[in-house]
C-alpha atoms as a PDB file:
ATOM      1  CA  UNK A   1       0.000   0.000   0.000  1.00  0.00           C
ATOM      2  CA  UNK A   2       3.026   2.247   0.456  1.00  0.00           C
ATOM      3  CA  UNK A   3       3.411   2.567  -3.333  1.00  0.00           C
ATOM      4  CA  UNK A   4      -0.259   3.539  -3.713  1.00  0.00           C
ATOM      5  CA  UNK A   5       0.118   6.243  -1.053  1.00  0.00           C
ATOM      6  CA  UNK A   6       3.182   7.516  -2.904  1.00  0.00           C
ATOM      7  CA  UNK A   7       1.229   7.535  -6.184  1.00  0.00           C
ATOM      8  CA  UNK A   8      -1.483   9.556  -4.422  1.00  0.00           C
ATOM      9  CA  UNK A   9       1.132  12.132  -3.351  1.00  0.00           C
ATOM     10  CA  UNK A  10       2.594  12.268  -6.875  1.00  0.00           C
ATOM     11  CA  UNK A  11      -0.821  12.832  -8.452  1.00  0.00           C
ATOM     12  CA  UNK A  12      -1.855  15.406  -5.832  1.00  0.00           C
ATOM     13  CA  UNK A  13       1.391  17.317  -6.336  1.00  0.00           C
ATOM     14  CA  UNK A  14       1.083  17.126 -10.125  1.00  0.00           C
ATOM     15  CA  UNK A  15      -2.487  18.453 -10.099  1.00  0.00           C
ATOM     16  CA  UNK A  16      -1.515  21.213  -7.670  1.00  0.00           C
ATOM     17  CA  UNK A  17       1.370  22.351  -9.878  1.00  0.00           C
ATOM     18  CA  UNK A  18      -1.006  22.396 -12.859  1.00  0.00           C
ATOM     19  CA  UNK A  19      -3.452  24.606 -10.935  1.00  0.00           C
ATOM     20  CA  UNK A  20      -6.266  22.088 -10.452  1.00  0.00           C
ATOM     21  CA  UNK A  21      -8.296  21.834  -7.268  1.00  0.00           C
ATOM     22  CA  UNK A  22      -9.277  18.231  -6.725  1.00  0.00           C
ATOM     23  CA  UNK A  23      -9.732  15.529  -4.151  1.00  0.00           C
ATOM     24  CA  UNK A  24      -8.308  12.082  -4.817  1.00  0.00           C
ATOM     25  CA  UNK A  25      -9.764   8.837  -3.491  1.00  0.00           C
ATOM     26  CA  UNK A  26      -7.804   5.581  -3.384  1.00  0.00           C
ATOM     27  CA  UNK A  27      -9.963   2.693  -4.598  1.00  0.00           C
ATOM     28  CA  UNK A  28      -9.172  -0.987  -4.967  1.00  0.00           C
ATOM     29  CA  UNK A  29     -10.632  -2.431  -8.163  1.00  0.00           C
ATOM     30  CA  UNK A  30     -10.547  -5.876  -9.793  1.00  0.00           C
ATOM     31  CA  UNK A  31      -7.517  -4.970 -11.867  1.00  0.00           C
ATOM     32  CA  UNK A  32      -5.629  -3.185  -9.074  1.00  0.00           C
ATOM     33  CA  UNK A  33      -5.423   0.182  -7.334  1.00  0.00           C
ATOM     34  CA  UNK A  34      -7.160   3.230  -8.796  1.00  0.00           C
ATOM     35  CA  UNK A  35      -6.781   6.903  -7.942  1.00  0.00           C
ATOM     36  CA  UNK A  36     -10.174   8.531  -8.528  1.00  0.00           C
ATOM     37  CA  UNK A  37      -9.949  12.289  -9.135  1.00  0.00           C
ATOM     38  CA  UNK A  38     -12.983  14.322  -8.125  1.00  0.00           C
ATOM     39  CA  UNK A  39     -12.862  17.855  -9.508  1.00  0.00           C
ATOM     40  CA  UNK A  40     -14.979  20.586 -11.022  1.00  0.00           C
ATOM     41  CA  UNK A  41     -12.356  20.707 -13.791  1.00  0.00           C
ATOM     42  CA  UNK A  42     -12.919  17.110 -14.877  1.00  0.00           C
ATOM     43  CA  UNK A  43     -13.354  17.877 -18.586  1.00  0.00           C
ATOM     44  CA  UNK A  44      -9.921  19.531 -18.626  1.00  0.00           C
ATOM     45  CA  UNK A  45      -8.334  16.624 -16.751  1.00  0.00           C
ATOM     46  CA  UNK A  46      -9.933  13.985 -18.977  1.00  0.00           C
ATOM     47  CA  UNK A  47      -9.210  15.693 -22.298  1.00  0.00           C
ATOM     48  CA  UNK A  48     -10.470  14.578 -25.672  1.00  0.00           C
ATOM     49  CA  UNK A  49     -11.452  10.889 -25.495  1.00  0.00           C
ATOM     50  CA  UNK A  50      -9.471  10.505 -22.262  1.00  0.00           C
ATOM     51  CA  UNK A  51      -6.096  11.357 -23.822  1.00  0.00           C
ATOM     52  CA  UNK A  52      -5.069  13.774 -21.050  1.00  0.00           C
ATOM     53  CA  UNK A  53      -6.121  11.253 -18.413  1.00  0.00           C
ATOM     54  CA  UNK A  54      -3.970   8.631 -20.170  1.00  0.00           C
ATOM     55  CA  UNK A  55      -1.007  11.028 -20.069  1.00  0.00           C
ATOM     56  CA  UNK A  56      -1.513  11.760 -16.359  1.00  0.00           C
ATOM     57  CA  UNK A  57      -1.714   8.038 -15.600  1.00  0.00           C
ATOM     58  CA  UNK A  58       1.445   7.383 -17.607  1.00  0.00           C
ATOM     59  CA  UNK A  59       3.371  10.102 -15.748  1.00  0.00           C
ATOM     60  CA  UNK A  60       2.192   8.973 -12.308  1.00  0.00           C
ATOM     61  CA  UNK A  61       3.336   5.407 -13.028  1.00  0.00           C
ATOM     62  CA  UNK A  62       6.695   6.514 -14.507  1.00  0.00           C
ATOM     63  CA  UNK A  63       7.489   8.740 -11.519  1.00  0.00           C
ATOM     64  CA  UNK A  64       6.323   6.080  -9.047  1.00  0.00           C
ATOM     65  CA  UNK A  65       8.541   3.385 -10.598  1.00  0.00           C
ATOM     66  CA  UNK A  66      11.653   5.527 -10.025  1.00  0.00           C
ATOM     67  CA  UNK A  67      11.425   4.800  -6.304  1.00  0.00           C
ATOM     68  CA  UNK A  68       9.155   1.731  -6.182  1.00  0.00           C
ATOM     69  CA  UNK A  69      10.411  -0.668  -8.841  1.00  0.00           C
ATOM     70  CA  UNK A  70       7.845  -3.362  -8.058  1.00  0.00           C
ATOM     71  CA  UNK A  71       4.882  -1.003  -7.651  1.00  0.00           C
ATOM     72  CA  UNK A  72       1.591  -2.194  -9.118  1.00  0.00           C
ATOM     73  CA  UNK A  73       0.266  -0.340 -12.153  1.00  0.00           C
ATOM     74  CA  UNK A  74      -1.842   2.512 -10.857  1.00  0.00           C
ATOM     75  CA  UNK A  75      -5.019   3.359 -12.733  1.00  0.00           C
ATOM     76  CA  UNK A  76      -5.951   7.054 -12.727  1.00  0.00           C
ATOM     77  CA  UNK A  77      -9.598   7.901 -13.330  1.00  0.00           C
ATOM     78  CA  UNK A  78     -11.580  11.129 -13.137  1.00  0.00           C
ATOM     79  CA  UNK A  79     -15.236  11.280 -12.128  1.00  0.00           C
ATOM     80  CA  UNK A  80     -15.519   7.567 -13.089  1.00  0.00           C
ATOM     81  CA  UNK A  81     -14.876   8.403 -16.770  1.00  0.00           C
ATOM     82  CA  UNK A  82     -12.767   5.281 -17.443  1.00  0.00           C
ATOM     83  CA  UNK A  83     -15.255   2.983 -15.730  1.00  0.00           C
ATOM     84  CA  UNK A  84     -18.146   4.322 -17.812  1.00  0.00           C
ATOM     85  CA  UNK A  85     -16.066   4.178 -20.993  1.00  0.00           C
ATOM     86  CA  UNK A  86     -14.985   0.579 -20.271  1.00  0.00           C
ATOM     87  CA  UNK A  87     -18.612  -0.481 -19.776  1.00  0.00           C
ATOM     88  CA  UNK A  88     -19.615   1.234 -23.022  1.00  0.00           C
ATOM     89  CA  UNK A  89     -16.663  -0.419 -24.824  1.00  0.00           C
ATOM     90  CA  UNK A  90     -17.640  -3.851 -23.471  1.00  0.00           C
ATOM     91  CA  UNK A  91     -21.208  -3.415 -24.749  1.00  0.00           C
ATOM     92  CA  UNK A  92     -19.897  -2.285 -28.159  1.00  0.00           C
ATOM     93  CA  UNK A  93     -17.469  -5.215 -28.449  1.00  0.00           C
ATOM     94  CA  UNK A  94     -20.141  -7.764 -27.563  1.00  0.00           C
ATOM     95  CA  UNK A  95     -22.495  -6.216 -30.141  1.00  0.00           C
ATOM     96  CA  UNK A  96     -19.765  -6.339 -32.821  1.00  0.00           C
ATOM     97  CA  UNK A  97     -18.941  -9.952 -31.891  1.00  0.00           C
ATOM     98  CA  UNK A  98     -22.606 -10.895 -32.322  1.00  0.00           C
ATOM     99  CA  UNK A  99     -22.642  -9.253 -35.783  1.00  0.00           C
ATOM    100  CA  UNK A 100     -19.457 -11.090 -36.794  1.00  0.00           C
ATOM    101  CA  UNK A 101     -20.943 -14.405 -35.622  1.00  0.00           C
ATOM    102  CA  UNK A 102     -24.118 -13.754 -37.611  1.00  0.00           C
ATOM    103  CA  UNK A 103     -22.533 -12.457 -40.825  1.00  0.00           C
ATOM    104  CA  UNK A 104     -19.232 -14.338 -40.769  1.00  0.00           C
ATOM    105  CA  UNK A 105     -17.540 -11.115 -41.933  1.00  0.00           C
ATOM    106  CA  UNK A 106     -14.582  -9.705 -39.953  1.00  0.00           C
ATOM    107  CA  UNK A 107     -15.000  -6.265 -38.392  1.00  0.00           C
ATOM    108  CA  UNK A 108     -12.213  -3.700 -38.037  1.00  0.00           C
ATOM    109  CA  UNK A 109     -12.662  -1.417 -35.023  1.00  0.00           C
ATOM    110  CA  UNK A 110     -11.702   2.245 -34.781  1.00  0.00           C
ATOM    111  CA  UNK A 111      -8.087   2.938 -33.692  1.00  0.00           C
ATOM    112  CA  UNK A 112      -7.551   2.105 -30.008  1.00  0.00           C
ATOM    113  CA  UNK A 113      -4.675   2.644 -27.598  1.00  0.00           C
ATOM    114  CA  UNK A 114      -2.994  -0.300 -25.844  1.00  0.00           C
ATOM    115  CA  UNK A 115      -5.239  -0.094 -22.774  1.00  0.00           C
ATOM    116  CA  UNK A 116      -8.456  -0.415 -24.778  1.00  0.00           C
ATOM    117  CA  UNK A 117      -6.990  -3.065 -27.145  1.00  0.00           C
ATOM    118  CA  UNK A 118      -6.179  -5.193 -24.090  1.00  0.00           C
ATOM    119  CA  UNK A 119      -9.726  -4.616 -22.823  1.00  0.00           C
ATOM    120  CA  UNK A 120     -11.166  -5.865 -26.144  1.00  0.00           C
ATOM    121  CA  UNK A 121      -8.909  -8.947 -26.103  1.00  0.00           C
ATOM    122  CA  UNK A 122      -9.950  -9.734 -22.507  1.00  0.00           C
ATOM    123  CA  UNK A 123     -13.664  -9.367 -23.300  1.00  0.00           C
ATOM    124  CA  UNK A 124     -13.388 -11.920 -26.121  1.00  0.00           C
ATOM    125  CA  UNK A 125     -10.760 -14.262 -24.641  1.00  0.00           C
ATOM    126  CA  UNK A 126     -13.277 -16.952 -23.612  1.00  0.00           C
ATOM    127  CA  UNK A 127     -15.622 -16.581 -26.572  1.00  0.00           C
ATOM    128  CA  UNK A 128     -15.666 -19.909 -28.456  1.00  0.00           C
ATOM    129  CA  UNK A 129     -16.634 -18.352 -31.801  1.00  0.00           C
ATOM    130  CA  UNK A 130     -14.763 -15.059 -32.264  1.00  0.00           C
ATOM    131  CA  UNK A 131     -11.382 -13.589 -31.452  1.00  0.00           C
ATOM    132  CA  UNK A 132      -9.606 -10.250 -31.711  1.00  0.00           C
ATOM    133  CA  UNK A 133      -6.440  -9.685 -33.699  1.00  0.00           C
ATOM    134  CA  UNK A 134      -4.104  -6.706 -33.283  1.00  0.00           C
ATOM    135  CA  UNK A 135      -1.940  -5.623 -36.194  1.00  0.00           C
ATOM    136  CA  UNK A 136       1.840  -5.592 -35.878  1.00  0.00           C
ATOM    137  CA  UNK A 137       3.695  -2.306 -35.515  1.00  0.00           C
ATOM    138  CA  UNK A 138       4.655   0.386 -33.057  1.00  0.00           C
ATOM    139  CA  UNK A 139       1.782   2.785 -33.646  1.00  0.00           C
ATOM    140  CA  UNK A 140       0.188   4.137 -30.466  1.00  0.00           C
ATOM    141  CA  UNK A 141      -3.291   3.630 -31.914  1.00  0.00           C
ATOM    142  CA  UNK A 142      -4.108   0.417 -33.769  1.00  0.00           C
ATOM    143  CA  UNK A 143      -7.249  -1.042 -35.328  1.00  0.00           C
ATOM    144  CA  UNK A 144      -8.216  -4.406 -33.849  1.00  0.00           C
ATOM    145  CA  UNK A 145     -10.072  -6.873 -36.082  1.00  0.00           C
ATOM    146  CA  UNK A 146     -12.759  -9.133 -34.666  1.00  0.00           C
ATOM    147  CA  UNK A 147     -12.989 -12.354 -36.677  1.00  0.00           C
ATOM    148  CA  UNK A 148     -14.532 -15.813 -36.534  1.00  0.00           C
ATOM    149  CA  UNK A 149     -12.147 -18.351 -34.996  1.00  0.00           C
ATOM    150  CA  UNK A 150     -13.076 -20.872 -37.679  1.00  0.00           C
ATOM    151  CA  UNK A 151     -11.799 -18.489 -40.396  1.00  0.00           C
ATOM    152  CA  UNK A 152      -8.305 -18.453 -38.886  1.00  0.00           C
ATOM    153  CA  UNK A 153      -5.677 -20.955 -40.013  1.00  0.00           C
ATOM    154  CA  UNK A 154      -4.711 -23.422 -37.272  1.00  0.00           C
ATOM    155  CA  UNK A 155      -1.759 -22.293 -35.194  1.00  0.00           C
ATOM    156  CA  UNK A 156      -2.891 -18.617 -34.990  1.00  0.00           C
END
């Protein structure tokens, strides 16, 4: 818990230096610790499609790992934005998977960052009929394809 407390201090300091007034709650979620920012400036902290929130989370984790090498990955959320977006993404992925099962045609999703690509893969990991495929490359945003498992050559 020491690392989470340190992450809280890092985030609080960062927000203070940026001129934001906010309270930060430490929450334990299924996938690990989360720092929930509560602020009247949430739209400025979240940014367009959560990009600023992603950047804040990245910086908090990078700074934390300088002193706590084995620290868990800290999720940073603001006004439950990520939670709501993850639920919406899960609904969208399940709807797309159903369409792929019905039509047999692969579906290429909009470009997603690594966090949301992993979320898509995890949603479909136990589905017996469809799977997600990420393209190769170093691009920050990639388009995942959702395809029928039976249309993939064996060994994929």
